[in-house]
Amino acid sequence: MLILSKFAGAAQQLTDALIVNPSDKFEVAQAIREGLHMSRDERVSRWEVMFRRLGEQDVTWWAATYVRDLAASKLTNSTHRPRRMSRCT
């Protein structure tokens, strides 16, 4: 079973992992316990979902998504530039 920090970017993609706040030792301990007591069928099911998602959203997908979001951000920022204030003397 995969235990993943909620601060890791992959946590948004691998939602079938046990997501924890790594600074909360009780939450981490609980996730370890849950993983140890999880049935084999549930572990296999979760792994299948995560591997399928990784097959669809690989490094090429990540790069394309990043570039697309960056371009969209650049367009948004260029259309919403604040006006320059004239200097009063």
PDB file of N, CA and C in Angstrom:
ATOM      1  N   MET A   1       0.836  -1.180   0.000  1.00  0.00           N
ATOM      2  CA  MET A   1       0.000   0.000   0.000  1.00  0.00           C
ATOM      3  C   MET A   1       0.875   1.234   0.000  1.00  0.00           C
ATOM      4  N   LEU A   2       0.507   2.203  -0.811  1.00  0.00           N
ATOM      5  CA  LEU A   2       1.264   3.438  -0.905  1.00  0.00           C
ATOM      6  C   LEU A   2       0.719   4.458   0.091  1.00  0.00           C
ATOM      7  N   ILE A   3       1.602   4.997   0.903  1.00  0.00           N
ATOM      8  CA  ILE A   3       1.263   6.092   1.809  1.00  0.00           C
ATOM      9  C   ILE A   3       1.986   7.313   1.267  1.00  0.00           C
ATOM     10  N   LEU A   4       1.230   8.368   1.007  1.00  0.00           N
ATOM     11  CA  LEU A   4       1.754   9.516   0.287  1.00  0.00           C
ATOM     12  C   LEU A   4       1.425  10.807   1.033  1.00  0.00           C
ATOM     13  N   SER A   5       2.387  11.708   1.055  1.00  0.00           N
ATOM     14  CA  SER A   5       2.172  13.015   1.677  1.00  0.00           C
ATOM     15  C   SER A   5       1.142  13.813   0.895  1.00  0.00           C
ATOM     16  N   LYS A   6       0.266  14.496   1.604  1.00  0.00           N
ATOM     17  CA  LYS A   6      -0.719  15.332   0.932  1.00  0.00           C
ATOM     18  C   LYS A   6      -0.065  16.544   0.278  1.00  0.00           C
ATOM     19  N   PHE A   7       1.185  16.807   0.612  1.00  0.00           N
ATOM     20  CA  PHE A   7       1.908  17.930   0.027  1.00  0.00           C
ATOM     21  C   PHE A   7       2.631  17.537  -1.266  1.00  0.00           C
ATOM     22  N   ALA A   8       2.671  16.255  -1.564  1.00  0.00           N
ATOM     23  CA  ALA A   8       3.303  15.793  -2.803  1.00  0.00           C
ATOM     24  C   ALA A   8       2.355  16.070  -3.975  1.00  0.00           C
ATOM     25  N   GLY A   9       2.900  16.544  -5.070  1.00  0.00           N
ATOM     26  CA  GLY A   9       2.070  16.813  -6.243  1.00  0.00           C
ATOM     27  C   GLY A   9       1.330  15.575  -6.714  1.00  0.00           C
ATOM     28  N   ALA A  10       1.938  14.414  -6.530  1.00  0.00           N
ATOM     29  CA  ALA A  10       1.320  13.159  -6.966  1.00  0.00           C
ATOM     30  C   ALA A  10       0.068  12.818  -6.159  1.00  0.00           C
ATOM     31  N   ALA A  11      -0.117  13.435  -5.017  1.00  0.00           N
ATOM     32  CA  ALA A  11      -1.291  13.140  -4.188  1.00  0.00           C
ATOM     33  C   ALA A  11      -2.590  13.487  -4.915  1.00  0.00           C
ATOM     34  N   GLN A  12      -2.538  14.473  -5.797  1.00  0.00           N
ATOM     35  CA  GLN A  12      -3.727  14.844  -6.571  1.00  0.00           C
ATOM     36  C   GLN A  12      -4.022  13.808  -7.644  1.00  0.00           C
ATOM     37  N   GLN A  13      -3.001  13.104  -8.070  1.00  0.00           N
ATOM     38  CA  GLN A  13      -3.141  12.112  -9.129  1.00  0.00           C
ATOM     39  C   GLN A  13      -3.381  10.717  -8.553  1.00  0.00           C
ATOM     40  N   LEU A  14      -2.731  10.386  -7.488  1.00  0.00           N
ATOM     41  CA  LEU A  14      -2.799   9.040  -6.911  1.00  0.00           C
ATOM     42  C   LEU A  14      -3.710   9.016  -5.694  1.00  0.00           C
ATOM     43  N   THR A  15      -4.967   9.304  -5.926  1.00  0.00           N
ATOM     44  CA  THR A  15      -5.932   9.442  -4.835  1.00  0.00           C
ATOM     45  C   THR A  15      -6.287   8.120  -4.164  1.00  0.00           C
ATOM     46  N   ASP A  16      -5.867   6.993  -4.739  1.00  0.00           N
ATOM     47  CA  ASP A  16      -6.122   5.712  -4.092  1.00  0.00           C
ATOM     48  C   ASP A  16      -5.034   5.323  -3.105  1.00  0.00           C
ATOM     49  N   ALA A  17      -3.994   6.148  -3.014  1.00  0.00           N
ATOM     50  CA  ALA A  17      -2.993   5.958  -1.963  1.00  0.00           C
ATOM     51  C   ALA A  17      -3.607   6.432  -0.649  1.00  0.00           C
ATOM     52  N   LEU A  18      -2.968   6.086   0.434  1.00  0.00           N
ATOM     53  CA  LEU A  18      -3.390   6.627   1.727  1.00  0.00           C
ATOM     54  C   LEU A  18      -2.673   7.969   1.862  1.00  0.00           C
ATOM     55  N   ILE A  19      -3.425   9.041   1.829  1.00  0.00           N
ATOM     56  CA  ILE A  19      -2.882  10.396   1.823  1.00  0.00           C
ATOM     57  C   ILE A  19      -2.811  10.911   3.268  1.00  0.00           C
ATOM     58  N   VAL A  20      -1.628  11.391   3.659  1.00  0.00           N
ATOM     59  CA  VAL A  20      -1.429  11.834   5.043  1.00  0.00           C
ATOM     60  C   VAL A  20      -0.685  13.159   5.097  1.00  0.00           C
ATOM     61  N   ASN A  21      -0.808  13.808   6.239  1.00  0.00           N
ATOM     62  CA  ASN A  21       0.038  14.946   6.560  1.00  0.00           C
ATOM     63  C   ASN A  21       1.274  14.356   7.233  1.00  0.00           C
ATOM     64  N   PRO A  22       2.435  14.438   6.587  1.00  0.00           N
ATOM     65  CA  PRO A  22       3.618  13.786   7.149  1.00  0.00           C
ATOM     66  C   PRO A  22       4.087  14.389   8.475  1.00  0.00           C
ATOM     67  N   SER A  23       3.612  15.568   8.810  1.00  0.00           N
ATOM     68  CA  SER A  23       3.981  16.183  10.084  1.00  0.00           C
ATOM     69  C   SER A  23       3.138  15.671  11.238  1.00  0.00           C
ATOM     70  N   ASP A  24       2.068  14.966  10.932  1.00  0.00           N
ATOM     71  CA  ASP A  24       1.170  14.429  11.955  1.00  0.00           C
ATOM     72  C   ASP A  24       1.504  12.958  12.180  1.00  0.00           C
ATOM     73  N   LYS A  25       2.308  12.686  13.205  1.00  0.00           N
ATOM     74  CA  LYS A  25       2.779  11.316  13.421  1.00  0.00           C
ATOM     75  C   LYS A  25       1.638  10.342  13.707  1.00  0.00           C
ATOM     76  N   PHE A  26       0.560  10.817  14.295  1.00  0.00           N
ATOM     77  CA  PHE A  26      -0.577   9.939  14.571  1.00  0.00           C
ATOM     78  C   PHE A  26      -1.304   9.580  13.273  1.00  0.00           C
ATOM     79  N   GLU A  27      -1.400  10.545  12.364  1.00  0.00           N
ATOM     80  CA  GLU A  27      -2.031  10.282  11.071  1.00  0.00           C
ATOM     81  C   GLU A  27      -1.195   9.292  10.254  1.00  0.00           C
ATOM     82  N   VAL A  28       0.110   9.456  10.300  1.00  0.00           N
ATOM     83  CA  VAL A  28       1.000   8.534   9.592  1.00  0.00           C
ATOM     84  C   VAL A  28       0.883   7.139  10.194  1.00  0.00           C
ATOM     85  N   ALA A  29       0.880   7.055  11.509  1.00  0.00           N
ATOM     86  CA  ALA A  29       0.751   5.755  12.194  1.00  0.00           C
ATOM     87  C   ALA A  29      -0.573   5.093  11.843  1.00  0.00           C
ATOM     88  N   GLN A  30      -1.635   5.871  11.810  1.00  0.00           N
ATOM     89  CA  GLN A  30      -2.952   5.337  11.464  1.00  0.00           C
ATOM     90  C   GLN A  30      -2.957   4.805  10.029  1.00  0.00           C
ATOM     91  N   ALA A  31      -2.309   5.518   9.112  1.00  0.00           N
ATOM     92  CA  ALA A  31      -2.245   5.075   7.719  1.00  0.00           C
ATOM     93  C   ALA A  31      -1.448   3.779   7.602  1.00  0.00           C
ATOM     94  N   ILE A  32      -0.348   3.677   8.344  1.00  0.00           N
ATOM     95  CA  ILE A  32       0.438   2.438   8.337  1.00  0.00           C
ATOM     96  C   ILE A  32      -0.419   1.282   8.843  1.00  0.00           C
ATOM     97  N   ARG A  33      -1.124   1.534   9.929  1.00  0.00           N
ATOM     98  CA  ARG A  33      -2.000   0.490  10.497  1.00  0.00           C
ATOM     99  C   ARG A  33      -3.081   0.095   9.495  1.00  0.00           C
ATOM    100  N   GLU A  34      -3.696   1.107   8.851  1.00  0.00           N
ATOM    101  CA  GLU A  34      -4.746   0.829   7.862  1.00  0.00           C
ATOM    102  C   GLU A  34      -4.184   0.003   6.706  1.00  0.00           C
ATOM    103  N   GLY A  35      -2.991   0.370   6.247  1.00  0.00           N
ATOM    104  CA  GLY A  35      -2.375  -0.371   5.153  1.00  0.00           C
ATOM    105  C   GLY A  35      -2.055  -1.808   5.527  1.00  0.00           C
ATOM    106  N   LEU A  36      -1.587  -2.011   6.758  1.00  0.00           N
ATOM    107  CA  LEU A  36      -1.259  -3.357   7.216  1.00  0.00           C
ATOM    108  C   LEU A  36      -2.495  -4.239   7.365  1.00  0.00           C
ATOM    109  N   HIS A  37      -3.605  -3.641   7.708  1.00  0.00           N
ATOM    110  CA  HIS A  37      -4.830  -4.409   7.941  1.00  0.00           C
ATOM    111  C   HIS A  37      -5.761  -4.441   6.720  1.00  0.00           C
ATOM    112  N   MET A  38      -5.380  -3.772   5.652  1.00  0.00           N
ATOM    113  CA  MET A  38      -6.218  -3.724   4.449  1.00  0.00           C
ATOM    114  C   MET A  38      -6.218  -5.105   3.775  1.00  0.00           C
ATOM    115  N   SER A  39      -7.361  -5.479   3.267  1.00  0.00           N
ATOM    116  CA  SER A  39      -7.450  -6.775   2.595  1.00  0.00           C
ATOM    117  C   SER A  39      -6.626  -6.766   1.306  1.00  0.00           C
ATOM    118  N   ARG A  40      -6.193  -7.945   0.913  1.00  0.00           N
ATOM    119  CA  ARG A  40      -5.411  -8.068  -0.318  1.00  0.00           C
ATOM    120  C   ARG A  40      -6.210  -7.550  -1.508  1.00  0.00           C
ATOM    121  N   ASP A  41      -7.489  -7.874  -1.567  1.00  0.00           N
ATOM    122  CA  ASP A  41      -8.328  -7.425  -2.682  1.00  0.00           C
ATOM    123  C   ASP A  41      -8.367  -5.902  -2.780  1.00  0.00           C
ATOM    124  N   GLU A  42      -8.496  -5.228  -1.643  1.00  0.00           N
ATOM    125  CA  GLU A  42      -8.538  -3.763  -1.669  1.00  0.00           C
ATOM    126  C   GLU A  42      -7.185  -3.187  -2.090  1.00  0.00           C
ATOM    127  N   ARG A  43      -6.090  -3.765  -1.580  1.00  0.00           N
ATOM    128  CA  ARG A  43      -4.757  -3.285  -1.985  1.00  0.00           C
ATOM    129  C   ARG A  43      -4.547  -3.446  -3.485  1.00  0.00           C
ATOM    130  N   VAL A  44      -4.912  -4.590  -4.015  1.00  0.00           N
ATOM    131  CA  VAL A  44      -4.759  -4.850  -5.451  1.00  0.00           C
ATOM    132  C   VAL A  44      -5.622  -3.889  -6.251  1.00  0.00           C
ATOM    133  N   SER A  45      -6.854  -3.692  -5.815  1.00  0.00           N
ATOM    134  CA  SER A  45      -7.761  -2.777  -6.508  1.00  0.00           C
ATOM    135  C   SER A  45      -7.196  -1.357  -6.548  1.00  0.00           C
ATOM    136  N   ARG A  46      -6.682  -0.896  -5.422  1.00  0.00           N
ATOM    137  CA  ARG A  46      -6.106   0.454  -5.363  1.00  0.00           C
ATOM    138  C   ARG A  46      -4.885   0.567  -6.268  1.00  0.00           C
ATOM    139  N   TRP A  47      -4.003  -0.448  -6.250  1.00  0.00           N
ATOM    140  CA  TRP A  47      -2.817  -0.430  -7.106  1.00  0.00           C
ATOM    141  C   TRP A  47      -3.207  -0.405  -8.581  1.00  0.00           C
ATOM    142  N   GLU A  48      -4.225  -1.193  -8.940  1.00  0.00           N
ATOM    143  CA  GLU A  48      -4.658  -1.219 -10.349  1.00  0.00           C
ATOM    144  C   GLU A  48      -5.118   0.156 -10.803  1.00  0.00           C
ATOM    145  N   VAL A  49      -5.892   0.825  -9.965  1.00  0.00           N
ATOM    146  CA  VAL A  49      -6.380   2.170 -10.301  1.00  0.00           C
ATOM    147  C   VAL A  49      -5.201   3.131 -10.457  1.00  0.00           C
ATOM    148  N   MET A  50      -4.248   3.082  -9.520  1.00  0.00           N
ATOM    149  CA  MET A  50      -3.110   4.004  -9.584  1.00  0.00           C
ATOM    150  C   MET A  50      -2.219   3.725 -10.794  1.00  0.00           C
ATOM    151  N   PHE A  51      -1.964   2.451 -11.096  1.00  0.00           N
ATOM    152  CA  PHE A  51      -1.138   2.134 -12.260  1.00  0.00           C
ATOM    153  C   PHE A  51      -1.826   2.516 -13.561  1.00  0.00           C
ATOM    154  N   ARG A  52      -3.123   2.333 -13.628  1.00  0.00           N
ATOM    155  CA  ARG A  52      -3.872   2.734 -14.830  1.00  0.00           C
ATOM    156  C   ARG A  52      -3.776   4.248 -15.009  1.00  0.00           C
ATOM    157  N   ARG A  53      -3.947   4.994 -13.933  1.00  0.00           N
ATOM    158  CA  ARG A  53      -3.859   6.453 -13.995  1.00  0.00           C
ATOM    159  C   ARG A  53      -2.459   6.897 -14.411  1.00  0.00           C
ATOM    160  N   LEU A  54      -1.433   6.235 -13.870  1.00  0.00           N
ATOM    161  CA  LEU A  54      -0.055   6.572 -14.248  1.00  0.00           C
ATOM    162  C   LEU A  54       0.227   6.244 -15.708  1.00  0.00           C
ATOM    163  N   GLY A  55      -0.438   5.221 -16.222  1.00  0.00           N
ATOM    164  CA  GLY A  55      -0.286   4.886 -17.638  1.00  0.00           C
ATOM    165  C   GLY A  55      -0.904   5.945 -18.536  1.00  0.00           C
ATOM    166  N   GLU A  56      -1.987   6.538 -18.076  1.00  0.00           N
ATOM    167  CA  GLU A  56      -2.674   7.580 -18.850  1.00  0.00           C
ATOM    168  C   GLU A  56      -2.043   8.946 -18.636  1.00  0.00           C
ATOM    169  N   GLN A  57      -1.587   9.206 -17.439  1.00  0.00           N
ATOM    170  CA  GLN A  57      -1.048  10.522 -17.086  1.00  0.00           C
ATOM    171  C   GLN A  57       0.437  10.384 -16.757  1.00  0.00           C
ATOM    172  N   ASP A  58       1.216  10.101 -17.795  1.00  0.00           N
ATOM    173  CA  ASP A  58       2.648   9.909 -17.629  1.00  0.00           C
ATOM    174  C   ASP A  58       3.400  11.237 -17.720  1.00  0.00           C
ATOM    175  N   VAL A  59       4.716  11.163 -17.849  1.00  0.00           N
ATOM    176  CA  VAL A  59       5.530  12.372 -17.873  1.00  0.00           C
ATOM    177  C   VAL A  59       5.172  13.265 -19.069  1.00  0.00           C
ATOM    178  N   THR A  60       4.792  12.665 -20.188  1.00  0.00           N
ATOM    179  CA  THR A  60       4.386  13.455 -21.349  1.00  0.00           C
ATOM    180  C   THR A  60       3.114  14.238 -21.037  1.00  0.00           C
ATOM    181  N   TRP A  61       2.167  13.606 -20.373  1.00  0.00           N
ATOM    182  CA  TRP A  61       0.925  14.271 -19.974  1.00  0.00           C
ATOM    183  C   TRP A  61       1.232  15.410 -19.009  1.00  0.00           C
ATOM    184  N   TRP A  62       2.112  15.149 -18.018  1.00  0.00           N
ATOM    185  CA  TRP A  62       2.478  16.184 -17.042  1.00  0.00           C
ATOM    186  C   TRP A  62       3.095  17.389 -17.737  1.00  0.00           C
ATOM    187  N   ALA A  63       4.022  17.125 -18.669  1.00  0.00           N
ATOM    188  CA  ALA A  63       4.692  18.227 -19.373  1.00  0.00           C
ATOM    189  C   ALA A  63       3.686  19.030 -20.194  1.00  0.00           C
ATOM    190  N   ALA A  64       2.821  18.351 -20.926  1.00  0.00           N
ATOM    191  CA  ALA A  64       1.826  19.042 -21.754  1.00  0.00           C
ATOM    192  C   ALA A  64       0.873  19.858 -20.882  1.00  0.00           C
ATOM    193  N   THR A  65       0.457  19.300 -19.761  1.00  0.00           N
ATOM    194  CA  THR A  65      -0.433  20.008 -18.841  1.00  0.00           C
ATOM    195  C   THR A  65       0.253  21.246 -18.267  1.00  0.00           C
ATOM    196  N   TYR A  66       1.517  21.108 -17.901  1.00  0.00           N
ATOM    197  CA  TYR A  66       2.272  22.226 -17.336  1.00  0.00           C
ATOM    198  C   TYR A  66       2.405  23.350 -18.354  1.00  0.00           C
ATOM    199  N   VAL A  67       2.788  23.001 -19.580  1.00  0.00           N
ATOM    200  CA  VAL A  67       2.964  24.017 -20.627  1.00  0.00           C
ATOM    201  C   VAL A  67       1.630  24.684 -20.949  1.00  0.00           C
ATOM    202  N   ARG A  68       0.554  23.913 -21.011  1.00  0.00           N
ATOM    203  CA  ARG A  68      -0.768  24.467 -21.284  1.00  0.00           C
ATOM    204  C   ARG A  68      -1.189  25.450 -20.187  1.00  0.00           C
ATOM    205  N   ASP A  69      -0.989  25.046 -18.927  1.00  0.00           N
ATOM    206  CA  ASP A  69      -1.349  25.922 -17.807  1.00  0.00           C
ATOM    207  C   ASP A  69      -0.473  27.174 -17.765  1.00  0.00           C
ATOM    208  N   LEU A  70       0.790  27.006 -18.093  1.00  0.00           N
ATOM    209  CA  LEU A  70       1.701  28.141 -18.130  1.00  0.00           C
ATOM    210  C   LEU A  70       1.278  29.137 -19.215  1.00  0.00           C
ATOM    211  N   ALA A  71       0.931  28.621 -20.384  1.00  0.00           N
ATOM    212  CA  ALA A  71       0.483  29.484 -21.481  1.00  0.00           C
ATOM    213  C   ALA A  71      -0.817  30.191 -21.107  1.00  0.00           C
ATOM    214  N   ALA A  72      -1.732  29.474 -20.483  1.00  0.00           N
ATOM    215  CA  ALA A  72      -3.001  30.080 -20.068  1.00  0.00           C
ATOM    216  C   ALA A  72      -2.755  31.160 -19.021  1.00  0.00           C
ATOM    217  N   SER A  73      -1.836  30.917 -18.116  1.00  0.00           N
ATOM    218  CA  SER A  73      -1.498  31.901 -17.092  1.00  0.00           C
ATOM    219  C   SER A  73      -0.876  33.142 -17.719  1.00  0.00           C
ATOM    220  N   LYS A  74      -0.021  32.951 -18.688  1.00  0.00           N
ATOM    221  CA  LYS A  74       0.621  34.072 -19.363  1.00  0.00           C
ATOM    222  C   LYS A  74      -0.408  34.925 -20.088  1.00  0.00           C
ATOM    223  N   LEU A  75      -1.376  34.261 -20.744  1.00  0.00           N
ATOM    224  CA  LEU A  75      -2.436  34.995 -21.433  1.00  0.00           C
ATOM    225  C   LEU A  75      -3.291  35.774 -20.448  1.00  0.00           C
ATOM    226  N   THR A  76      -3.627  35.149 -19.340  1.00  0.00           N
ATOM    227  CA  THR A  76      -4.447  35.807 -18.326  1.00  0.00           C
ATOM    228  C   THR A  76      -3.715  37.008 -17.737  1.00  0.00           C
ATOM    229  N   ASN A  77      -2.443  36.834 -17.439  1.00  0.00           N
ATOM    230  CA  ASN A  77      -1.659  37.925 -16.858  1.00  0.00           C
ATOM    231  C   ASN A  77      -1.443  39.064 -17.838  1.00  0.00           C
ATOM    232  N   SER A  78      -1.308  38.783 -19.118  1.00  0.00           N
ATOM    233  CA  SER A  78      -1.063  39.846 -20.092  1.00  0.00           C
ATOM    234  C   SER A  78      -2.322  40.654 -20.372  1.00  0.00           C
ATOM    235  N   THR A  79      -3.484  40.064 -20.174  1.00  0.00           N
ATOM    236  CA  THR A  79      -4.728  40.800 -20.419  1.00  0.00           C
ATOM    237  C   THR A  79      -5.201  41.559 -19.193  1.00  0.00           C
ATOM    238  N   HIS A  80      -4.614  41.267 -18.041  1.00  0.00           N
ATOM    239  CA  HIS A  80      -5.039  41.920 -16.798  1.00  0.00           C
ATOM    240  C   HIS A  80      -3.905  42.694 -16.150  1.00  0.00           C
ATOM    241  N   ARG A  81      -3.083  43.310 -16.936  1.00  0.00           N
ATOM    242  CA  ARG A  81      -1.995  44.108 -16.368  1.00  0.00           C
ATOM    243  C   ARG A  81      -2.555  45.372 -15.744  1.00  0.00           C
ATOM    244  N   PRO A  82      -2.052  45.714 -14.595  1.00  0.00           N
ATOM    245  CA  PRO A  82      -2.530  46.959 -13.972  1.00  0.00           C
ATOM    246  C   PRO A  82      -2.048  48.159 -14.780  1.00  0.00           C
ATOM    247  N   ARG A  83      -2.880  49.175 -14.804  1.00  0.00           N
ATOM    248  CA  ARG A  83      -2.488  50.406 -15.510  1.00  0.00           C
ATOM    249  C   ARG A  83      -1.415  51.108 -14.716  1.00  0.00           C
ATOM    250  N   ARG A  84      -0.524  51.736 -15.426  1.00  0.00           N
ATOM    251  CA  ARG A  84       0.515  52.503 -14.753  1.00  0.00           C
ATOM    252  C   ARG A  84      -0.074  53.818 -14.304  1.00  0.00           C
ATOM    253  N   MET A  85       0.298  54.196 -13.119  1.00  0.00           N
ATOM    254  CA  MET A  85      -0.174  55.465 -12.571  1.00  0.00           C
ATOM    255  C   MET A  85       0.729  56.573 -13.078  1.00  0.00           C
ATOM    256  N   SER A  86       0.153  57.695 -13.426  1.00  0.00           N
ATOM    257  CA  SER A  86       0.969  58.809 -13.841  1.00  0.00           C
ATOM    258  C   SER A  86       1.564  59.468 -12.598  1.00  0.00           C
ATOM    259  N   ARG A  87       2.719  59.995 -12.757  1.00  0.00           N
ATOM    260  CA  ARG A  87       3.402  60.630 -11.635  1.00  0.00           C
ATOM    261  C   ARG A  87       2.909  62.055 -11.453  1.00  0.00           C
ATOM    262  N   CYS A  88       2.566  62.367 -10.268  1.00  0.00           N
ATOM    263  CA  CYS A  88       2.143  63.735  -9.957  1.00  0.00           C
ATOM    264  C   CYS A  88       3.333  64.498  -9.373  1.00  0.00           C
ATOM    265  N   THR A  89       3.629  65.649  -9.910  1.00  0.00           N
ATOM    266  CA  THR A  89       4.757  66.427  -9.386  1.00  0.00           C
ATOM    267  C   THR A  89       4.293  67.773  -8.913  1.00  0.00           C
TER     268      THR A  89
END
